[in-house]
Amino acid sequence: MLDRVRLMAMVRKEVRQLRRDTRSLVLAFVLPMVLLVFFGYAITWDVTNIRMLVVDQDHGSSARLLVDAFRAAGRFSVVATTSRTADIDPLLDRGKVSLALVIPPTFGSDLGAGRTAKVQAIVDGSDANTATISLGYTQAILQQFSTRILLASHPVRLPVEARVRVWYNEELTSTNMIVPGLIVLIMMIIAGLITSLTIAREWERGTMEQLAATPVTRLEVVIGKLLPYLAIGLVDVVATSLLGVALFHVPFRGSPLFLLVPTFLFLAGTLGLGLAISAVSRTQLLATQIGMLSTFLPGLLLSGFMFAIESMPLPLRLITYLVPARYFLVVTRGVFLKGVGPAVLWPQGALMLLYAVATIALAVRAFRKELS
């Protein structure tokens, strides 16, 4: 059982210790904002400036119309034009261009005669993501160009007309999905890191002897150290969410009050993990190293933030169930972009509650007041 007087004494002690530690205050309040701004601008999956070489061997009006279609798309920048295919390799090798469009000499005559005109797109595949997106844009532009030519020469109704509608992220802007994920990743790192230093700091500063002499229980120590950082984490999530909406114009369609509940559960679980690490690490250096390895790498690689969990091998998919960022990422994207609530996100909340109980219990079990 928790004694309210002893628990509040532990909370006050931790708050006073935190106020004297300028580095921890900077880590807790300033670093999340800096990381969100930095990574929010640095990380993007949008490809907006594809440097393009045009090898025009036709020099006709149809070839110029095709090149104009690429320029009008807003994704391509024609940096060089030539009629020699021998110029392709040097420009691709030096990284001057990432795509070469080859228009053969018979392009215009084939179109005029009603035959299929062929063009060639050569893409630098050293960056597979950019190459895939570039090819997708190229195929879409060629399809639209072909449809326009077909309707101009044979004004008939197309048998199939596709009307595509995107929900939740209408412009397919990567920032809208990256920023909610960054909030999860940053808070997992910060929450795990700042609490991984707390108990280790007691050992290094020699204050564990005083703590061991008090009647406070192990559970009261863990909860007393957790509560101040839980309040800080809630403030950080609110601040980073407001910053994401104001600076990056990420839509927020859900309930802010509902978001606080899964945020509380996520932070409790991550802070509990940090306290467990601190309990078994007698030095702050070792606690920092373990804290970074157990929060940053799983949060980045196994949460679904960078890579789709469904595409991972089965053993890795099973490991992702132990990463709380996996569940909180679904919550943040659901609240920000979809506007869903507890009726949809209750499974993630239940799993984060289970994780929080498990990590806090692990921290209590790992903490020892004995000085041996």
Protein backbone atom coordinates (compact mmCIF):
# COMPACT_ATOMS: atom_id res chain seq x y z
CA MET A 1 0.00 0.00 0.00
CA LEU A 2 1.10 3.55 -0.66
CA ASP A 3 1.42 5.97 2.24
CA ARG A 4 0.33 9.39 1.01
CA VAL A 5 2.67 11.35 3.29
CA ARG A 6 5.78 9.35 2.35
CA LEU A 7 4.81 9.39 -1.35
CA MET A 8 4.40 13.17 -1.44
CA ALA A 9 7.71 13.55 0.41
CA MET A 10 9.40 11.52 -2.34
CA VAL A 11 7.71 13.63 -5.02
CA ARG A 12 8.86 16.89 -3.37
CA LYS A 13 12.39 15.53 -3.01
CA GLU A 14 12.51 14.58 -6.71
CA VAL A 15 11.12 17.95 -7.78
CA ARG A 16 13.75 19.83 -5.73
CA GLN A 17 16.51 17.63 -7.14
CA LEU A 18 15.21 18.19 -10.65
CA ARG A 19 15.10 21.97 -10.18
CA ARG A 20 18.78 21.97 -9.24
CA ASP A 21 19.72 19.89 -12.29
CA THR A 22 19.82 22.33 -15.22
CA ARG A 23 20.85 19.64 -17.70
CA SER A 24 17.83 17.51 -16.90
CA LEU A 25 15.51 20.52 -17.24
CA VAL A 26 16.95 21.32 -20.67
CA LEU A 27 16.65 17.67 -21.65
CA ALA A 28 13.06 17.54 -20.47
CA PHE A 29 11.68 20.81 -21.82
CA VAL A 30 13.92 22.17 -24.58
CA LEU A 31 15.20 19.09 -26.38
CA PRO A 32 11.77 17.76 -27.48
CA MET A 33 10.99 21.06 -29.26
CA VAL A 34 14.40 21.21 -30.90
CA LEU A 35 14.19 17.62 -32.13
CA LEU A 36 10.66 18.08 -33.48
CA VAL A 37 11.62 21.18 -35.48
CA PHE A 38 14.88 19.66 -36.72
CA PHE A 39 13.54 16.27 -37.76
CA GLY A 40 10.22 17.70 -38.89
CA TYR A 41 12.03 19.66 -41.58
CA ALA A 42 14.79 17.12 -42.23
CA ILE A 43 12.72 13.95 -42.64
CA THR A 44 10.42 13.79 -45.64
CA TRP A 45 9.30 11.10 -48.03
CA ASP A 46 8.04 13.57 -50.60
CA VAL A 47 10.02 13.74 -53.85
CA THR A 48 9.49 17.22 -55.26
CA ASN A 49 12.55 18.05 -57.39
CA ILE A 50 13.51 15.18 -59.67
CA ARG A 51 16.45 16.30 -61.81
CA MET A 52 15.73 15.13 -65.33
CA LEU A 53 17.72 14.73 -68.56
CA VAL A 54 15.76 14.84 -71.82
CA VAL A 55 17.30 12.94 -74.74
CA ASP A 56 15.21 14.35 -77.57
CA GLN A 57 16.00 12.58 -80.85
CA ASP A 58 12.70 13.57 -82.47
CA HIS A 59 12.78 17.41 -82.16
CA GLY A 60 9.09 17.56 -83.09
CA SER A 61 6.08 19.29 -81.57
CA SER A 62 4.81 16.07 -79.97
CA ALA A 63 8.12 15.59 -78.15
CA ARG A 64 7.96 19.18 -76.88
CA LEU A 65 4.41 18.62 -75.63
CA LEU A 66 5.56 15.53 -73.74
CA VAL A 67 8.43 17.41 -72.09
CA ASP A 68 6.04 20.26 -71.20
CA ALA A 69 3.77 17.71 -69.53
CA PHE A 70 6.65 16.69 -67.25
CA ARG A 71 7.43 20.33 -66.44
CA ALA A 72 3.78 21.09 -65.70
CA ALA A 73 3.59 18.24 -63.20
CA GLY A 74 5.71 20.28 -60.77
CA ARG A 75 7.80 17.28 -59.73
CA PHE A 76 10.46 17.33 -62.46
CA SER A 77 13.20 19.82 -63.24
CA VAL A 78 14.73 19.52 -66.73
CA VAL A 79 18.40 20.31 -66.09
CA ALA A 80 19.82 19.21 -69.45
CA THR A 81 18.66 18.43 -72.99
CA THR A 82 20.62 16.45 -75.54
CA SER A 83 20.16 14.20 -78.54
CA ARG A 84 22.95 11.76 -77.64
CA THR A 85 22.28 8.71 -75.48
CA ALA A 86 25.99 8.64 -74.65
CA ASP A 87 25.42 11.62 -72.33
CA ILE A 88 23.17 9.60 -70.02
CA ASP A 89 25.81 7.56 -68.16
CA PRO A 90 28.14 10.45 -67.22
CA LEU A 91 25.28 12.56 -65.82
CA LEU A 92 23.80 9.64 -63.85
CA ASP A 93 27.23 8.62 -62.55
CA ARG A 94 27.96 12.13 -61.24
CA GLY A 95 24.49 12.50 -59.72
CA LYS A 96 23.67 15.49 -61.92
CA VAL A 97 20.36 13.87 -62.89
CA SER A 98 18.31 11.04 -61.40
CA LEU A 99 16.11 10.32 -64.43
CA ALA A 100 16.70 10.36 -68.18
CA LEU A 101 13.79 10.44 -70.64
CA VAL A 102 14.71 9.15 -74.09
CA ILE A 103 12.39 10.22 -76.94
CA PRO A 104 13.24 8.22 -80.09
CA PRO A 105 13.37 9.75 -83.63
CA THR A 106 10.10 8.05 -84.64
CA PHE A 107 8.06 9.40 -81.71
CA GLY A 108 6.13 12.05 -83.61
CA SER A 109 5.63 9.98 -86.77
CA ASP A 110 4.35 7.02 -84.78
CA LEU A 111 1.79 9.19 -83.03
CA GLY A 112 0.73 10.77 -86.31
CA ALA A 113 0.23 7.37 -87.94
CA GLY A 114 -1.79 6.04 -85.01
CA ARG A 115 0.93 3.60 -83.95
CA THR A 116 2.16 3.05 -80.42
CA ALA A 117 5.00 5.48 -79.71
CA LYS A 118 7.65 4.26 -77.29
CA VAL A 119 9.75 6.32 -74.89
CA GLN A 120 12.38 5.11 -72.45
CA ALA A 121 12.84 6.21 -68.84
CA ILE A 122 16.20 5.45 -67.21
CA VAL A 123 16.26 5.96 -63.43
CA ASP A 124 19.14 6.01 -60.96
CA GLY A 125 18.31 3.06 -58.69
CA SER A 126 20.99 3.74 -56.06
CA ASP A 127 18.22 5.44 -54.05
CA ALA A 128 15.45 2.87 -54.36
CA ASN A 129 12.78 5.01 -52.69
CA THR A 130 13.34 8.02 -54.97
CA ALA A 131 13.60 5.74 -58.01
CA THR A 132 10.28 4.05 -57.23
CA ILE A 133 8.49 7.35 -56.71
CA SER A 134 10.05 8.85 -59.85
CA LEU A 135 8.91 5.90 -61.94
CA GLY A 136 5.42 6.20 -60.50
CA TYR A 137 5.24 9.88 -61.45
CA THR A 138 6.63 9.10 -64.92
CA GLN A 139 4.07 6.39 -65.59
CA ALA A 140 1.23 8.63 -64.42
CA ILE A 141 2.32 11.50 -66.69
CA LEU A 142 2.71 9.19 -69.68
CA GLN A 143 -0.71 7.71 -69.02
CA GLN A 144 -2.32 11.15 -68.89
CA PHE A 145 -0.45 12.22 -72.04
CA SER A 146 -1.61 9.08 -73.88
CA THR A 147 -5.21 9.64 -72.82
CA ARG A 148 -5.09 13.23 -74.01
CA ILE A 149 -3.68 12.18 -77.41
CA LEU A 150 -6.30 9.43 -77.73
CA LEU A 151 -9.20 11.75 -76.97
CA ALA A 152 -7.86 14.41 -79.36
CA SER A 153 -7.66 11.99 -82.28
CA HIS A 154 -10.65 9.77 -81.41
CA PRO A 155 -13.18 11.71 -79.31
CA VAL A 156 -14.88 8.77 -77.64
CA ARG A 157 -16.00 8.06 -74.10
CA LEU A 158 -13.44 6.11 -72.12
CA PRO A 159 -14.72 2.70 -70.97
CA VAL A 160 -13.41 3.21 -67.40
CA GLU A 161 -13.00 6.52 -65.60
CA ALA A 162 -11.16 6.43 -62.29
CA ARG A 163 -12.17 8.92 -59.63
CA VAL A 164 -9.71 8.62 -56.76
CA ARG A 165 -10.34 10.12 -53.35
CA VAL A 166 -7.79 10.11 -50.53
CA TRP A 167 -9.08 10.20 -46.96
CA TYR A 168 -7.35 11.66 -43.88
CA ASN A 169 -4.27 12.97 -45.76
CA GLU A 170 -5.78 14.44 -48.88
CA GLU A 171 -2.58 15.89 -50.34
CA LEU A 172 -0.50 12.81 -49.40
CA THR A 173 1.91 15.08 -47.54
CA SER A 174 4.52 13.05 -45.69
CA THR A 175 4.81 15.71 -42.96
CA ASN A 176 1.27 14.92 -41.81
CA MET A 177 2.28 11.36 -40.96
CA ILE A 178 5.86 12.10 -39.90
CA VAL A 179 5.12 14.74 -37.22
CA PRO A 180 2.72 12.56 -35.14
CA GLY A 181 5.29 9.78 -35.37
CA LEU A 182 8.08 12.14 -34.31
CA ILE A 183 6.12 13.09 -31.19
CA VAL A 184 5.99 9.40 -30.26
CA LEU A 185 9.66 8.76 -31.01
CA ILE A 186 10.92 11.87 -29.24
CA MET A 187 8.85 11.28 -26.12
CA MET A 188 9.93 7.64 -25.93
CA ILE A 189 13.59 8.71 -26.05
CA ILE A 190 13.23 11.62 -23.61
CA ALA A 191 11.02 9.76 -21.13
CA GLY A 192 13.23 6.70 -21.08
CA LEU A 193 16.41 8.75 -20.88
CA ILE A 194 15.58 11.19 -18.08
CA THR A 195 14.25 8.50 -15.73
CA SER A 196 17.11 6.12 -16.49
CA LEU A 197 19.37 8.61 -14.68
CA THR A 198 17.33 9.13 -11.50
CA ILE A 199 18.24 6.14 -9.30
CA ALA A 200 21.74 5.89 -10.79
CA ARG A 201 22.25 9.53 -9.82
CA GLU A 202 21.34 8.67 -6.21
CA TRP A 203 24.13 6.08 -6.13
CA GLU A 204 26.72 8.36 -7.72
CA ARG A 205 25.94 11.32 -5.45
CA GLY A 206 25.88 9.19 -2.31
CA THR A 207 22.30 10.08 -1.37
CA MET A 208 21.11 6.47 -1.54
CA GLU A 209 22.34 5.99 2.03
CA GLN A 210 19.93 8.67 3.24
CA LEU A 211 17.10 7.20 1.19
CA ALA A 212 17.78 3.71 2.55
CA ALA A 213 17.51 5.00 6.11
CA THR A 214 13.94 6.24 5.58
CA PRO A 215 10.82 4.06 6.02
CA VAL A 216 9.74 4.73 2.41
CA THR A 217 8.95 1.53 0.49
CA ARG A 218 10.31 0.51 -2.91
CA LEU A 219 6.94 1.14 -4.56
CA GLU A 220 6.77 4.62 -3.04
CA VAL A 221 10.27 5.41 -4.30
CA VAL A 222 9.40 4.32 -7.84
CA ILE A 223 6.04 6.11 -7.94
CA GLY A 224 7.47 9.20 -6.26
CA LYS A 225 10.23 9.45 -8.84
CA LEU A 226 7.84 8.71 -11.70
CA LEU A 227 5.13 11.32 -11.00
CA PRO A 228 7.18 14.52 -11.61
CA TYR A 229 8.49 13.21 -14.91
CA LEU A 230 5.01 12.07 -15.87
CA ALA A 231 3.79 15.65 -15.45
CA ILE A 232 6.74 16.93 -17.49
CA GLY A 233 6.00 14.39 -20.22
CA LEU A 234 2.37 15.46 -20.46
CA VAL A 235 3.46 19.09 -20.83
CA ASP A 236 5.96 18.08 -23.54
CA VAL A 237 3.36 16.16 -25.53
CA VAL A 238 0.95 19.09 -25.40
CA ALA A 239 3.69 21.54 -26.42
CA THR A 240 5.03 19.39 -29.28
CA SER A 241 1.48 18.76 -30.54
CA LEU A 242 0.76 22.49 -30.60
CA LEU A 243 4.09 23.11 -32.32
CA GLY A 244 3.36 20.47 -34.94
CA VAL A 245 -0.03 21.99 -35.74
CA ALA A 246 1.21 25.59 -35.75
CA LEU A 247 4.56 25.12 -37.51
CA PHE A 248 3.93 22.18 -39.85
CA HIS A 249 0.16 22.69 -40.30
CA VAL A 250 -0.61 19.08 -39.38
CA PRO A 251 -4.37 18.64 -39.00
CA PHE A 252 -5.70 17.78 -35.55
CA ARG A 253 -9.15 16.27 -36.01
CA GLY A 254 -9.61 14.34 -32.76
CA SER A 255 -10.23 15.20 -29.13
CA PRO A 256 -7.31 16.79 -27.22
CA LEU A 257 -8.73 15.50 -23.94
CA PHE A 258 -8.88 11.95 -25.22
CA LEU A 259 -5.26 12.14 -26.39
CA LEU A 260 -4.15 12.81 -22.80
CA VAL A 261 -5.36 9.39 -21.60
CA PRO A 262 -3.23 7.19 -23.93
CA THR A 263 -0.41 9.71 -23.51
CA PHE A 264 -0.56 9.12 -19.75
CA LEU A 265 -0.40 5.34 -20.28
CA PHE A 266 2.44 5.55 -22.81
CA LEU A 267 4.54 7.83 -20.63
CA ALA A 268 3.92 5.70 -17.53
CA GLY A 269 5.17 2.61 -19.35
CA THR A 270 8.22 4.32 -20.85
CA LEU A 271 9.11 6.05 -17.58
CA GLY A 272 8.74 2.72 -15.79
CA LEU A 273 11.19 1.19 -18.25
CA GLY A 274 13.65 4.02 -17.59
CA LEU A 275 13.36 3.52 -13.82
CA ALA A 276 13.95 -0.22 -14.22
CA ILE A 277 17.09 0.53 -16.22
CA SER A 278 18.23 3.03 -13.60
CA ALA A 279 17.62 0.53 -10.81
CA VAL A 280 20.00 -2.02 -12.28
CA SER A 281 22.62 0.52 -13.44
CA ARG A 282 24.75 2.03 -10.69
CA THR A 283 26.29 4.67 -13.01
CA GLN A 284 24.62 7.35 -15.11
CA LEU A 285 26.85 6.59 -18.11
CA LEU A 286 25.75 2.96 -18.25
CA ALA A 287 22.12 3.95 -17.65
CA THR A 288 22.28 6.45 -20.53
CA GLN A 289 23.72 3.87 -22.92
CA ILE A 290 21.13 1.23 -22.03
CA GLY A 291 18.34 3.81 -22.11
CA MET A 292 19.24 4.96 -25.63
CA LEU A 293 19.52 1.40 -26.94
CA SER A 294 16.21 0.33 -25.42
CA THR A 295 14.21 3.38 -26.57
CA PHE A 296 15.70 4.99 -29.67
CA LEU A 297 16.39 1.93 -31.83
CA PRO A 298 13.12 0.07 -31.09
CA GLY A 299 11.13 3.30 -31.41
CA LEU A 300 12.72 4.14 -34.75
CA LEU A 301 12.89 0.71 -36.36
CA LEU A 302 10.17 -1.43 -34.78
CA SER A 303 7.25 0.95 -34.15
CA GLY A 304 6.05 1.33 -37.74
CA PHE A 305 7.37 4.90 -37.92
CA MET A 306 10.01 4.28 -40.60
CA PHE A 307 9.12 0.80 -41.85
CA ALA A 308 5.77 -0.97 -42.18
CA ILE A 309 5.40 -3.69 -39.55
CA GLU A 310 3.44 -5.87 -42.00
CA SER A 311 6.53 -6.06 -44.25
CA MET A 312 8.84 -7.32 -41.49
CA PRO A 313 9.77 -10.98 -40.98
CA LEU A 314 7.64 -12.86 -38.45
CA PRO A 315 10.26 -12.83 -35.62
CA LEU A 316 10.58 -9.05 -35.85
CA ARG A 317 6.81 -8.62 -36.00
CA LEU A 318 6.53 -10.54 -32.73
CA ILE A 319 9.19 -8.32 -31.12
CA THR A 320 7.26 -5.18 -32.10
CA TYR A 321 4.52 -6.16 -29.63
CA LEU A 322 7.01 -5.29 -26.85
CA VAL A 323 7.53 -1.75 -28.18
CA PRO A 324 4.99 0.71 -26.69
CA ALA A 325 5.67 3.23 -29.46
CA ARG A 326 3.91 0.84 -31.84
CA TYR A 327 0.61 1.38 -30.02
CA PHE A 328 1.02 5.09 -29.30
CA LEU A 329 1.89 5.73 -32.97
CA VAL A 330 -1.49 4.30 -33.99
CA VAL A 331 -3.13 6.58 -31.41
CA THR A 332 -1.40 9.80 -32.46
CA ARG A 333 -2.00 9.27 -36.18
CA GLY A 334 -5.57 8.24 -35.47
CA VAL A 335 -6.31 11.30 -33.34
CA PHE A 336 -4.40 13.78 -35.51
CA LEU A 337 -5.41 12.62 -38.99
CA LYS A 338 -8.55 10.50 -38.61
CA GLY A 339 -10.23 12.09 -35.61
CA VAL A 340 -11.06 8.71 -34.08
CA GLY A 341 -11.57 8.10 -30.37
CA PRO A 342 -11.78 5.35 -27.75
CA ALA A 343 -14.27 3.28 -29.76
CA VAL A 344 -11.49 2.61 -32.28
CA LEU A 345 -8.32 2.98 -30.22
CA TRP A 346 -9.24 1.12 -27.02
CA PRO A 347 -7.09 -1.96 -27.93
CA GLN A 348 -3.97 0.22 -28.10
CA GLY A 349 -4.91 1.83 -24.79
CA ALA A 350 -5.37 -1.55 -23.13
CA LEU A 351 -1.99 -2.80 -24.37
CA MET A 352 -0.23 0.37 -23.18
CA LEU A 353 -1.88 -0.04 -19.77
CA LEU A 354 -0.58 -3.59 -19.58
CA TYR A 355 2.88 -2.40 -20.60
CA ALA A 356 2.85 0.35 -17.96
CA VAL A 357 1.89 -2.06 -15.19
CA ALA A 358 4.59 -4.51 -16.29
CA THR A 359 7.43 -1.94 -16.46
CA ILE A 360 6.53 -0.28 -13.14
CA ALA A 361 6.40 -3.70 -11.49
CA LEU A 362 9.78 -4.49 -13.06
CA ALA A 363 11.22 -1.23 -11.71
CA VAL A 364 9.92 -1.97 -8.19
CA ARG A 365 11.37 -5.46 -8.30
CA ALA A 366 14.75 -4.27 -9.63
CA PHE A 367 15.12 -1.46 -7.08
CA ARG A 368 16.98 -2.30 -3.89
CA LYS A 369 17.41 -0.05 -0.85
CA GLU A 370 20.18 -2.24 0.50
CA LEU A 371 23.69 -0.78 0.28
CA SER A 372 25.51 -4.06 -0.28
